[in-house]
Amino acid sequence: MTGSRETSDLAAVPLRPASTVMLLRDAPHDIEVFMMQRTTAAAFASGMYVFPGGRVDDIDGAAELDDLCDGLTDAQASELLRVPNGGLAYWVAAIRESFEEAGVLLARDEDGQFVNLQDAERQVRFGHARHAVHEGSLSLAEFCRTERLRLAVDTIRYVSHWITPVGEKRRFDTRFFVAVAPPEQDLLHDDIETIDSLWVTPSDALSRARRGELAMIPPTVANLEFLAPHHSTRDAVAAAQSIGVPTPILPKLRYDQDGRVVGIVFPDDPLYSQLP
C-alpha cells in the first residue's frame, strides 16, 4: 500500500467491491486457516499471503442465483452490509472465488450435505468446472443447476469491512467473511493467480509475518488477529456471528513534504483525525 502521490486526483479512483473468505478447519487444540500466496506478477498485493477472494462481478448478482442460495436472501444480506440491494452477491462472490482459487465449493448436494470431492471421477469433473468458471465459459449458476447443488451462503459469516486508502491506484471495498471448510474437500491454490498455499494457525501466521517469512497487507493481519483467540471453528464462527455489522475501516496514507508515502495511519491512531 505504498507509493508516490501523483498530481492526478487519486481520490477519484473508483472503489471496486470485493469479497474475501477465511476458510477454517479444526486442528488439535487450535484452528487452522487456509492462506495462499499471490503471484508476484499480480497488480495488487503481489507476493502477499492472503485468503481466497477477489472482485464481486456483475454475474455474482444475477437474479438466477438468488434461488440457488440457502438461508439468506438478498434483502437480508443487503441489510447486513448496509447497502440498498445486491448484498447477496458478496456471499456468492466469496463462494465463486474460493472455488476458482482454492478448489473448495461451499455448496450442498441434493441430500443437504456438503459436496464430497473424494471420489476420483467427481474430482476430475469438478476440476474442469473450476477452470471453466474461472475462465467465464461456465457460470456458477449453470454449474449448480447441472450438479443439483445449492450454495451454502448460510454458513458464511460477515466479520470485517476494509476500504483501501484514498491515494492508492487500485481501491477495493472489501468484505471479509469466515466459514468452515467442507470436510470432504481438499484445498489447493490454482497455480495461476496464486503460487503457494498452506494451512496455518492464526497465531503461527502472525508470528511468521512478524519474522518476515509471510508477507501480508494490514487487513490480512487484522483478520488473523481476530481469529487468534479462538481455538475451535465453533468458537470462531460464533465470534463472527456476534459482530453483527462491522464498522468500516478506512486507513489513510501519510505523506512527507515531498509527497512520498511514508506510512499508513489507522482510525485508532491519534494522528488519524489530523490527516485529510
Foldseek 3Di string as FASTA:
>chain_A
DFDFFDPDQLLPADAFEKEFEWAWAADVQFIWTKWFAFDLPDPPNHRAIGGFMDTQDPLLQDPLQQVQAPDDHQVRQCVLAVHPTSSSSRLSRNQLRQCQFWVFHQKAAPVRAGDACPDPVSVVVSVVVSVCCVVVVDPPSNVCVVRVIGHHSVQKFWAAWEWEARRDNHIYTYIYIYGYTHPRDGTDGDCPRTNDMDIGGLVVVLVCCVVVNGPHDVVRNVVSVLRNVDGHPVVSSVSRNVCRHHDYKHWYFDADPVRGTDDIGTPVDPCRVVDD
